[in-house]
PDB file of all heavy atoms in Angstrom:
ATOM      1  N   SER A   1       2.795  -8.144   4.215  1.00  0.00           N
ATOM      2  CA  SER A   1       2.403  -8.748   5.494  1.00  0.00           C
ATOM      3  C   SER A   1       1.198  -8.033   6.102  1.00  0.00           C
ATOM      4  O   SER A   1       1.012  -6.828   5.922  1.00  0.00           O
ATOM      5  CB  SER A   1       3.567  -8.730   6.483  1.00  0.00           C
ATOM      6  OG  SER A   1       3.739  -7.440   7.027  1.00  0.00           O
ATOM      7  N   ARG A   2       0.405  -8.802   6.800  1.00  0.00           N
ATOM      8  CA  ARG A   2      -0.784  -8.245   7.464  1.00  0.00           C
ATOM      9  C   ARG A   2      -0.383  -7.156   8.437  1.00  0.00           C
ATOM     10  O   ARG A   2      -1.034  -6.113   8.532  1.00  0.00           O
ATOM     11  CB  ARG A   2      -1.534  -9.369   8.183  1.00  0.00           C
ATOM     12  CG  ARG A   2      -2.821  -8.908   8.817  1.00  0.00           C
ATOM     13  CD  ARG A   2      -3.523 -10.042   9.462  1.00  0.00           C
ATOM     14  NE  ARG A   2      -2.690 -10.525  10.564  1.00  0.00           N
ATOM     15  CZ  ARG A   2      -3.135 -11.214  11.590  1.00  0.00           C
ATOM     16  NH1 ARG A   2      -4.395 -11.543  11.653  1.00  0.00           N
ATOM     17  NH2 ARG A   2      -2.333 -11.604  12.530  1.00  0.00           N
ATOM     18  N   THR A   3       0.702  -7.380   9.166  1.00  0.00           N
ATOM     19  CA  THR A   3       1.176  -6.389  10.135  1.00  0.00           C
ATOM     20  C   THR A   3       1.473  -5.058   9.458  1.00  0.00           C
ATOM     21  O   THR A   3       1.100  -3.993   9.957  1.00  0.00           O
ATOM     22  CB  THR A   3       2.445  -6.906  10.852  1.00  0.00           C
ATOM     23  OG1 THR A   3       2.134  -8.154  11.469  1.00  0.00           O
ATOM     24  CG2 THR A   3       2.940  -5.922  11.879  1.00  0.00           C
ATOM     25  N   THR A   4       2.136  -5.109   8.302  1.00  0.00           N
ATOM     26  CA  THR A   4       2.472  -3.884   7.577  1.00  0.00           C
ATOM     27  C   THR A   4       1.226  -3.183   7.065  1.00  0.00           C
ATOM     28  O   THR A   4       1.099  -1.958   7.203  1.00  0.00           O
ATOM     29  CB  THR A   4       3.435  -4.199   6.413  1.00  0.00           C
ATOM     30  OG1 THR A   4       4.632  -4.767   6.948  1.00  0.00           O
ATOM     31  CG2 THR A   4       3.768  -2.951   5.611  1.00  0.00           C
ATOM     32  N   ILE A   5       0.292  -3.915   6.506  1.00  0.00           N
ATOM     33  CA  ILE A   5      -0.955  -3.311   5.998  1.00  0.00           C
ATOM     34  C   ILE A   5      -1.698  -2.602   7.128  1.00  0.00           C
ATOM     35  O   ILE A   5      -2.128  -1.455   6.982  1.00  0.00           O
ATOM     36  CB  ILE A   5      -1.870  -4.364   5.334  1.00  0.00           C
ATOM     37  CG1 ILE A   5      -1.239  -4.886   4.054  1.00  0.00           C
ATOM     38  CG2 ILE A   5      -3.273  -3.797   5.079  1.00  0.00           C
ATOM     39  CD1 ILE A   5      -1.081  -3.889   2.939  1.00  0.00           C
ATOM     40  N   TYR A   6      -1.827  -3.271   8.261  1.00  0.00           N
ATOM     41  CA  TYR A   6      -2.567  -2.659   9.366  1.00  0.00           C
ATOM     42  C   TYR A   6      -1.789  -1.503  10.000  1.00  0.00           C
ATOM     43  O   TYR A   6      -2.391  -0.544  10.486  1.00  0.00           O
ATOM     44  CB  TYR A   6      -2.998  -3.711  10.388  1.00  0.00           C
ATOM     45  CG  TYR A   6      -4.197  -4.484   9.894  1.00  0.00           C
ATOM     46  CD1 TYR A   6      -4.043  -5.670   9.182  1.00  0.00           C
ATOM     47  CD2 TYR A   6      -5.487  -4.006  10.079  1.00  0.00           C
ATOM     48  CE1 TYR A   6      -5.136  -6.364   8.688  1.00  0.00           C
ATOM     49  CE2 TYR A   6      -6.587  -4.691   9.595  1.00  0.00           C
ATOM     50  CZ  TYR A   6      -6.407  -5.863   8.903  1.00  0.00           C
ATOM     51  OH  TYR A   6      -7.505  -6.540   8.414  1.00  0.00           O
ATOM     52  N   ALA A   7      -0.474  -1.531   9.965  1.00  0.00           N
ATOM     53  CA  ALA A   7       0.325  -0.403  10.453  1.00  0.00           C
ATOM     54  C   ALA A   7       0.125   0.800   9.546  1.00  0.00           C
ATOM     55  O   ALA A   7      -0.038   1.940  10.019  1.00  0.00           O
ATOM     56  CB  ALA A   7       1.807  -0.779  10.523  1.00  0.00           C
ATOM     57  N   ILE A   8       0.118   0.579   8.249  1.00  0.00           N
ATOM     58  CA  ILE A   8      -0.078   1.678   7.300  1.00  0.00           C
ATOM     59  C   ILE A   8      -1.480   2.257   7.435  1.00  0.00           C
ATOM     60  O   ILE A   8      -1.653   3.474   7.535  1.00  0.00           O
ATOM     61  CB  ILE A   8       0.176   1.201   5.856  1.00  0.00           C
ATOM     62  CG1 ILE A   8       1.663   0.905   5.653  1.00  0.00           C
ATOM     63  CG2 ILE A   8      -0.299   2.252   4.849  1.00  0.00           C
ATOM     64  CD1 ILE A   8       1.983   0.201   4.345  1.00  0.00           C
ATOM     65  N   THR A   9      -2.495   1.408   7.439  1.00  0.00           N
ATOM     66  CA  THR A   9      -3.868   1.911   7.503  1.00  0.00           C
ATOM     67  C   THR A   9      -4.182   2.513   8.874  1.00  0.00           C
ATOM     68  O   THR A   9      -5.080   3.341   8.985  1.00  0.00           O
ATOM     69  CB  THR A   9      -4.900   0.818   7.158  1.00  0.00           C
ATOM     70  OG1 THR A   9      -4.742  -0.292   8.040  1.00  0.00           O
ATOM     71  CG2 THR A   9      -4.743   0.367   5.719  1.00  0.00           C
ATOM     72  N   GLY A  10      -3.421   2.122   9.887  1.00  0.00           N
ATOM     73  CA  GLY A  10      -3.616   2.688  11.222  1.00  0.00           C
ATOM     74  C   GLY A  10      -2.770   3.924  11.481  1.00  0.00           C
ATOM     75  O   GLY A  10      -2.789   4.479  12.576  1.00  0.00           O
ATOM     76  N   GLY A  11      -2.005   4.354  10.475  1.00  0.00           N
ATOM     77  CA  GLY A  11      -1.184   5.548  10.622  1.00  0.00           C
ATOM     78  C   GLY A  11       0.030   5.351  11.509  1.00  0.00           C
ATOM     79  O   GLY A  11       0.577   6.299  12.047  1.00  0.00           O
ATOM     80  N   LYS A  12       0.469   4.106  11.656  1.00  0.00           N
ATOM     81  CA  LYS A  12       1.581   3.818  12.558  1.00  0.00           C
ATOM     82  C   LYS A  12       2.870   3.471  11.826  1.00  0.00           C
ATOM     83  O   LYS A  12       3.806   2.997  12.434  1.00  0.00           O
ATOM     84  CB  LYS A  12       1.187   2.683  13.489  1.00  0.00           C
ATOM     85  CG  LYS A  12       0.057   3.068  14.406  1.00  0.00           C
ATOM     86  CD  LYS A  12      -0.304   1.949  15.343  1.00  0.00           C
ATOM     87  CE  LYS A  12      -1.250   2.461  16.383  1.00  0.00           C
ATOM     88  NZ  LYS A  12      -2.494   1.844  16.463  1.00  0.00           N
ATOM     89  N   MET A  13       2.907   3.722  10.528  1.00  0.00           N
ATOM     90  CA  MET A  13       4.108   3.411   9.762  1.00  0.00           C
ATOM     91  C   MET A  13       4.588   4.680   9.069  1.00  0.00           C
ATOM     92  O   MET A  13       3.848   5.289   8.302  1.00  0.00           O
ATOM     93  CB  MET A  13       3.830   2.321   8.741  1.00  0.00           C
ATOM     94  CG  MET A  13       5.046   1.874   7.993  1.00  0.00           C
ATOM     95  SD  MET A  13       4.644   0.416   7.037  1.00  0.00           S
ATOM     96  CE  MET A  13       6.223  -0.367   7.026  1.00  0.00           C
ATOM     97  N   ASP A  14       5.822   5.065   9.358  1.00  0.00           N
ATOM     98  CA  ASP A  14       6.351   6.313   8.830  1.00  0.00           C
ATOM     99  C   ASP A  14       7.116   6.156   7.526  1.00  0.00           C
ATOM    100  O   ASP A  14       7.262   7.107   6.780  1.00  0.00           O
ATOM    101  CB  ASP A  14       7.278   6.972   9.859  1.00  0.00           C
ATOM    102  CG  ASP A  14       6.521   7.441  11.077  1.00  0.00           C
ATOM    103  OD1 ASP A  14       5.336   7.769  10.952  1.00  0.00           O
ATOM    104  OD2 ASP A  14       7.124   7.465  12.154  1.00  0.00           O
ATOM    105  N   GLY A  15       7.641   4.993   7.238  1.00  0.00           N
ATOM    106  CA  GLY A  15       8.447   4.823   6.038  1.00  0.00           C
ATOM    107  C   GLY A  15       8.190   3.473   5.400  1.00  0.00           C
ATOM    108  O   GLY A  15       7.495   2.635   5.946  1.00  0.00           O
ATOM    109  N   LEU A  16       8.745   3.285   4.211  1.00  0.00           N
ATOM    110  CA  LEU A  16       8.626   2.015   3.531  1.00  0.00           C
ATOM    111  C   LEU A  16       9.603   1.958   2.372  1.00  0.00           C
ATOM    112  O   LEU A  16      10.194   2.960   2.001  1.00  0.00           O
ATOM    113  CB  LEU A  16       7.210   1.775   3.014  1.00  0.00           C
ATOM    114  CG  LEU A  16       6.839   2.453   1.694  1.00  0.00           C
ATOM    115  CD1 LEU A  16       5.716   1.677   1.058  1.00  0.00           C
ATOM    116  CD2 LEU A  16       6.422   3.869   1.920  1.00  0.00           C
ATOM    117  N   HIS A  17       9.745   0.790   1.813  1.00  0.00           N
ATOM    118  CA  HIS A  17      10.588   0.586   0.644  1.00  0.00           C
ATOM    119  C   HIS A  17       9.738   0.792  -0.613  1.00  0.00           C
ATOM    120  O   HIS A  17       8.530   0.582  -0.592  1.00  0.00           O
ATOM    121  CB  HIS A  17      11.159  -0.835   0.641  1.00  0.00           C
ATOM    122  CG  HIS A  17      12.086  -1.093   1.777  1.00  0.00           C
ATOM    123  ND1 HIS A  17      13.417  -0.779   1.728  1.00  0.00           N
ATOM    124  CD2 HIS A  17      11.871  -1.615   3.001  1.00  0.00           C
ATOM    125  CE1 HIS A  17      13.990  -1.105   2.866  1.00  0.00           C
ATOM    126  NE2 HIS A  17      13.071  -1.618   3.670  1.00  0.00           N
ATOM    127  N   PHE A  18      10.392   1.157  -1.702  1.00  0.00           N
ATOM    128  CA  PHE A  18       9.669   1.338  -2.958  1.00  0.00           C
ATOM    129  C   PHE A  18       8.966   0.060  -3.388  1.00  0.00           C
ATOM    130  O   PHE A  18       7.873   0.103  -3.962  1.00  0.00           O
ATOM    131  CB  PHE A  18      10.610   1.825  -4.064  1.00  0.00           C
ATOM    132  CG  PHE A  18      10.969   3.269  -3.933  1.00  0.00           C
ATOM    133  CD1 PHE A  18      12.289   3.638  -3.762  1.00  0.00           C
ATOM    134  CD2 PHE A  18      10.008   4.264  -3.981  1.00  0.00           C
ATOM    135  CE1 PHE A  18      12.636   4.979  -3.639  1.00  0.00           C
ATOM    136  CE2 PHE A  18      10.336   5.599  -3.861  1.00  0.00           C
ATOM    137  CZ  PHE A  18      11.662   5.958  -3.696  1.00  0.00           C
ATOM    138  N   ASP A  19       9.559  -1.080  -3.105  1.00  0.00           N
ATOM    139  CA  ASP A  19       8.936  -2.356  -3.441  1.00  0.00           C
ATOM    140  C   ASP A  19       7.593  -2.508  -2.734  1.00  0.00           C
ATOM    141  O   ASP A  19       6.619  -2.972  -3.322  1.00  0.00           O
ATOM    142  CB  ASP A  19       9.877  -3.513  -3.064  1.00  0.00           C
ATOM    143  CG  ASP A  19       9.304  -4.860  -3.447  1.00  0.00           C
ATOM    144  OD1 ASP A  19       8.975  -5.044  -4.640  1.00  0.00           O
ATOM    145  OD2 ASP A  19       9.185  -5.719  -2.557  1.00  0.00           O
ATOM    146  N   THR A  20       7.538  -2.094  -1.485  1.00  0.00           N
ATOM    147  CA  THR A  20       6.285  -2.165  -0.721  1.00  0.00           C
ATOM    148  C   THR A  20       5.249  -1.222  -1.310  1.00  0.00           C
ATOM    149  O   THR A  20       4.083  -1.583  -1.459  1.00  0.00           O
ATOM    150  CB  THR A  20       6.538  -1.840   0.763  1.00  0.00           C
ATOM    151  OG1 THR A  20       7.527  -2.731   1.275  1.00  0.00           O
ATOM    152  CG2 THR A  20       5.263  -1.969   1.588  1.00  0.00           C
ATOM    153  N   LEU A  21       5.667  -0.013  -1.670  1.00  0.00           N
ATOM    154  CA  LEU A  21       4.752   0.945  -2.282  1.00  0.00           C
ATOM    155  C   LEU A  21       4.207   0.389  -3.594  1.00  0.00           C
ATOM    156  O   LEU A  21       3.010   0.490  -3.875  1.00  0.00           O
ATOM    157  CB  LEU A  21       5.449   2.285  -2.515  1.00  0.00           C
ATOM    158  CG  LEU A  21       4.612   3.382  -3.155  1.00  0.00           C
ATOM    159  CD1 LEU A  21       3.374   3.705  -2.326  1.00  0.00           C
ATOM    160  CD2 LEU A  21       5.469   4.632  -3.351  1.00  0.00           C
ATOM    161  N   SER A  22       5.061  -0.221  -4.374  1.00  0.00           N
ATOM    162  CA  SER A  22       4.639  -0.823  -5.636  1.00  0.00           C
ATOM    163  C   SER A  22       3.612  -1.931  -5.406  1.00  0.00           C
ATOM    164  O   SER A  22       2.594  -2.016  -6.111  1.00  0.00           O
ATOM    165  CB  SER A  22       5.867  -1.379  -6.366  1.00  0.00           C
ATOM    166  OG  SER A  22       5.503  -1.965  -7.576  1.00  0.00           O
ATOM    167  N   LYS A  23       3.837  -2.771  -4.404  1.00  0.00           N
ATOM    168  CA  LYS A  23       2.889  -3.836  -4.078  1.00  0.00           C
ATOM    169  C   LYS A  23       1.566  -3.271  -3.565  1.00  0.00           C
ATOM    170  O   LYS A  23       0.495  -3.805  -3.872  1.00  0.00           O
ATOM    171  CB  LYS A  23       3.487  -4.786  -3.043  1.00  0.00           C
ATOM    172  CG  LYS A  23       4.574  -5.673  -3.592  1.00  0.00           C
ATOM    173  CD  LYS A  23       5.131  -6.569  -2.508  1.00  0.00           C
ATOM    174  CE  LYS A  23       6.246  -7.449  -3.033  1.00  0.00           C
ATOM    175  NZ  LYS A  23       6.799  -8.303  -1.977  1.00  0.00           N
ATOM    176  N   LEU A  24       1.641  -2.193  -2.771  1.00  0.00           N
ATOM    177  CA  LEU A  24       0.422  -1.541  -2.281  1.00  0.00           C
ATOM    178  C   LEU A  24      -0.421  -1.056  -3.448  1.00  0.00           C
ATOM    179  O   LEU A  24      -1.628  -1.281  -3.501  1.00  0.00           O
ATOM    180  CB  LEU A  24       0.762  -0.344  -1.392  1.00  0.00           C
ATOM    181  CG  LEU A  24       1.016  -0.588   0.070  1.00  0.00           C
ATOM    182  CD1 LEU A  24       1.543   0.679   0.727  1.00  0.00           C
ATOM    183  CD2 LEU A  24      -0.245  -1.055   0.760  1.00  0.00           C
ATOM    184  N   ILE A  25       0.224  -0.362  -4.383  1.00  0.00           N
ATOM    185  CA  ILE A  25      -0.498   0.178  -5.526  1.00  0.00           C
ATOM    186  C   ILE A  25      -1.077  -0.943  -6.375  1.00  0.00           C
ATOM    187  O   ILE A  25      -2.242  -0.890  -6.784  1.00  0.00           O
ATOM    188  CB  ILE A  25       0.408   1.124  -6.341  1.00  0.00           C
ATOM    189  CG1 ILE A  25       0.635   2.408  -5.526  1.00  0.00           C
ATOM    190  CG2 ILE A  25      -0.192   1.432  -7.709  1.00  0.00           C
ATOM    191  CD1 ILE A  25       1.641   3.372  -6.119  1.00  0.00           C
ATOM    192  N   ALA A  26      -0.294  -1.985  -6.621  1.00  0.00           N
ATOM    193  CA  ALA A  26      -0.792  -3.127  -7.398  1.00  0.00           C
ATOM    194  C   ALA A  26      -1.978  -3.789  -6.697  1.00  0.00           C
ATOM    195  O   ALA A  26      -2.964  -4.163  -7.344  1.00  0.00           O
ATOM    196  CB  ALA A  26       0.325  -4.135  -7.630  1.00  0.00           C
ATOM    197  N   GLY A  27      -1.897  -3.928  -5.374  1.00  0.00           N
ATOM    198  CA  GLY A  27      -2.998  -4.520  -4.614  1.00  0.00           C
ATOM    199  C   GLY A  27      -4.255  -3.676  -4.685  1.00  0.00           C
ATOM    200  O   GLY A  27      -5.364  -4.197  -4.867  1.00  0.00           O
ATOM    201  N   LEU A  28      -4.098  -2.358  -4.561  1.00  0.00           N
ATOM    202  CA  LEU A  28      -5.250  -1.459  -4.659  1.00  0.00           C
ATOM    203  C   LEU A  28      -5.872  -1.515  -6.045  1.00  0.00           C
ATOM    204  O   LEU A  28      -7.100  -1.529  -6.186  1.00  0.00           O
ATOM    205  CB  LEU A  28      -4.844  -0.024  -4.311  1.00  0.00           C
ATOM    206  CG  LEU A  28      -4.544   0.246  -2.843  1.00  0.00           C
ATOM    207  CD1 LEU A  28      -3.886   1.609  -2.672  1.00  0.00           C
ATOM    208  CD2 LEU A  28      -5.806   0.146  -2.003  1.00  0.00           C
ATOM    209  N   GLU A  29      -5.033  -1.549  -7.070  1.00  0.00           N
ATOM    210  CA  GLU A  29      -5.556  -1.646  -8.430  1.00  0.00           C
ATOM    211  C   GLU A  29      -6.305  -2.962  -8.628  1.00  0.00           C
ATOM    212  O   GLU A  29      -7.352  -2.997  -9.280  1.00  0.00           O
ATOM    213  CB  GLU A  29      -4.421  -1.497  -9.450  1.00  0.00           C
ATOM    214  CG  GLU A  29      -3.891  -0.087  -9.515  1.00  0.00           C
ATOM    215  CD  GLU A  29      -2.757   0.123 -10.493  1.00  0.00           C
ATOM    216  OE1 GLU A  29      -2.109  -0.875 -10.908  1.00  0.00           O
ATOM    217  OE2 GLU A  29      -2.525   1.286 -10.857  1.00  0.00           O
ATOM    218  N   SER A  30      -5.795  -4.019  -8.032  1.00  0.00           N
ATOM    219  CA  SER A  30      -6.430  -5.332  -8.140  1.00  0.00           C
ATOM    220  C   SER A  30      -7.819  -5.344  -7.508  1.00  0.00           C
ATOM    221  O   SER A  30      -8.765  -5.882  -8.088  1.00  0.00           O
ATOM    222  CB  SER A  30      -5.538  -6.383  -7.485  1.00  0.00           C
ATOM    223  OG  SER A  30      -6.170  -7.636  -7.453  1.00  0.00           O
ATOM    224  N   ILE A  31      -7.952  -4.757  -6.331  1.00  0.00           N
ATOM    225  CA  ILE A  31      -9.243  -4.830  -5.634  1.00  0.00           C
ATOM    226  C   ILE A  31     -10.236  -3.758  -6.065  1.00  0.00           C
ATOM    227  O   ILE A  31     -11.432  -3.914  -5.854  1.00  0.00           O
ATOM    228  CB  ILE A  31      -9.087  -4.830  -4.092  1.00  0.00           C
ATOM    229  CG1 ILE A  31      -8.462  -3.540  -3.579  1.00  0.00           C
ATOM    230  CG2 ILE A  31      -8.310  -6.060  -3.635  1.00  0.00           C
ATOM    231  CD1 ILE A  31      -8.392  -3.434  -2.057  1.00  0.00           C
ATOM    232  N   THR A  32      -9.746  -2.658  -6.677  1.00  0.00           N
ATOM    233  CA  THR A  32     -10.672  -1.599  -7.110  1.00  0.00           C
ATOM    234  C   THR A  32     -10.923  -1.609  -8.610  1.00  0.00           C
ATOM    235  O   THR A  32     -11.904  -1.031  -9.064  1.00  0.00           O
ATOM    236  CB  THR A  32     -10.157  -0.196  -6.723  1.00  0.00           C
ATOM    237  OG1 THR A  32      -8.941   0.073  -7.437  1.00  0.00           O
ATOM    238  CG2 THR A  32      -9.964  -0.065  -5.225  1.00  0.00           C
ATOM    239  N   GLY A  33     -10.007  -2.216  -9.375  1.00  0.00           N
ATOM    240  CA  GLY A  33     -10.147  -2.194 -10.823  1.00  0.00           C
ATOM    241  C   GLY A  33      -9.836  -0.840 -11.427  1.00  0.00           C
ATOM    242  O   GLY A  33     -10.178  -0.568 -12.572  1.00  0.00           O
ATOM    243  N   GLN A  34      -9.192   0.024 -10.645  1.00  0.00           N
ATOM    244  CA  GLN A  34      -8.867   1.376 -11.101  1.00  0.00           C
ATOM    245  C   GLN A  34      -7.367   1.606 -11.035  1.00  0.00           C
ATOM    246  O   GLN A  34      -6.673   0.998 -10.228  1.00  0.00           O
ATOM    247  CB  GLN A  34      -9.575   2.412 -10.228  1.00  0.00           C
ATOM    248  CG  GLN A  34     -11.074   2.334 -10.311  1.00  0.00           C
ATOM    249  CD  GLN A  34     -11.753   3.405  -9.462  1.00  0.00           C
ATOM    250  OE1 GLN A  34     -11.101   4.235  -8.853  1.00  0.00           O
ATOM    251  NE2 GLN A  34     -13.066   3.371  -9.429  1.00  0.00           N
ATOM    252  N   THR A  35      -6.893   2.525 -11.875  1.00  0.00           N
ATOM    253  CA  THR A  35      -5.496   2.927 -11.831  1.00  0.00           C
ATOM    254  C   THR A  35      -5.266   3.746 -10.575  1.00  0.00           C
ATOM    255  O   THR A  35      -6.062   4.624 -10.251  1.00  0.00           O
ATOM    256  CB  THR A  35      -5.129   3.765 -13.072  1.00  0.00           C
ATOM    257  OG1 THR A  35      -5.368   2.967 -14.238  1.00  0.00           O
ATOM    258  CG2 THR A  35      -3.683   4.203 -13.041  1.00  0.00           C
ATOM    259  N   VAL A  36      -4.197   3.446  -9.863  1.00  0.00           N
ATOM    260  CA  VAL A  36      -3.870   4.151  -8.625  1.00  0.00           C
ATOM    261  C   VAL A  36      -2.529   4.860  -8.818  1.00  0.00           C
ATOM    262  O   VAL A  36      -1.568   4.257  -9.280  1.00  0.00           O
ATOM    263  CB  VAL A  36      -3.779   3.166  -7.432  1.00  0.00           C
ATOM    264  CG1 VAL A  36      -3.384   3.888  -6.156  1.00  0.00           C
ATOM    265  CG2 VAL A  36      -5.093   2.428  -7.249  1.00  0.00           C
ATOM    266  N   GLU A  37      -2.488   6.120  -8.473  1.00  0.00           N
ATOM    267  CA  GLU A  37      -1.266   6.920  -8.548  1.00  0.00           C
ATOM    268  C   GLU A  37      -0.708   7.106  -7.139  1.00  0.00           C
ATOM    269  O   GLU A  37      -1.444   6.998  -6.148  1.00  0.00           O
ATOM    270  CB  GLU A  37      -1.555   8.286  -9.180  1.00  0.00           C
ATOM    271  CG  GLU A  37      -2.165   8.217 -10.570  1.00  0.00           C
ATOM    272  CD  GLU A  37      -1.244   7.621 -11.617  1.00  0.00           C
ATOM    273  OE1 GLU A  37      -0.007   7.644 -11.417  1.00  0.00           O
ATOM    274  OE2 GLU A  37      -1.755   7.131 -12.635  1.00  0.00           O
ATOM    275  N   VAL A  38       0.569   7.424  -7.046  1.00  0.00           N
ATOM    276  CA  VAL A  38       1.206   7.629  -5.745  1.00  0.00           C
ATOM    277  C   VAL A  38       0.452   8.697  -4.938  1.00  0.00           C
ATOM    278  O   VAL A  38       0.234   8.548  -3.734  1.00  0.00           O
ATOM    279  CB  VAL A  38       2.694   8.012  -5.903  1.00  0.00           C
ATOM    280  CG1 VAL A  38       3.306   8.402  -4.566  1.00  0.00           C
ATOM    281  CG2 VAL A  38       3.468   6.871  -6.538  1.00  0.00           C
ATOM    282  N   GLY A  39       0.003   9.747  -5.598  1.00  0.00           N
ATOM    283  CA  GLY A  39      -0.737  10.813  -4.919  1.00  0.00           C
ATOM    284  C   GLY A  39      -2.074  10.373  -4.359  1.00  0.00           C
ATOM    285  O   GLY A  39      -2.654  11.048  -3.510  1.00  0.00           O
TER     286      GLY A  39
END
């Protein structure tokens, strides 16, 4: 969700589900073309 993305990028989200983290990483890999690690 847009709300979740903007909360994360704005530093206003303290926790998340592993599914969300997985989607974040997949989305970043999609837009950058690079492998993204949790770190």
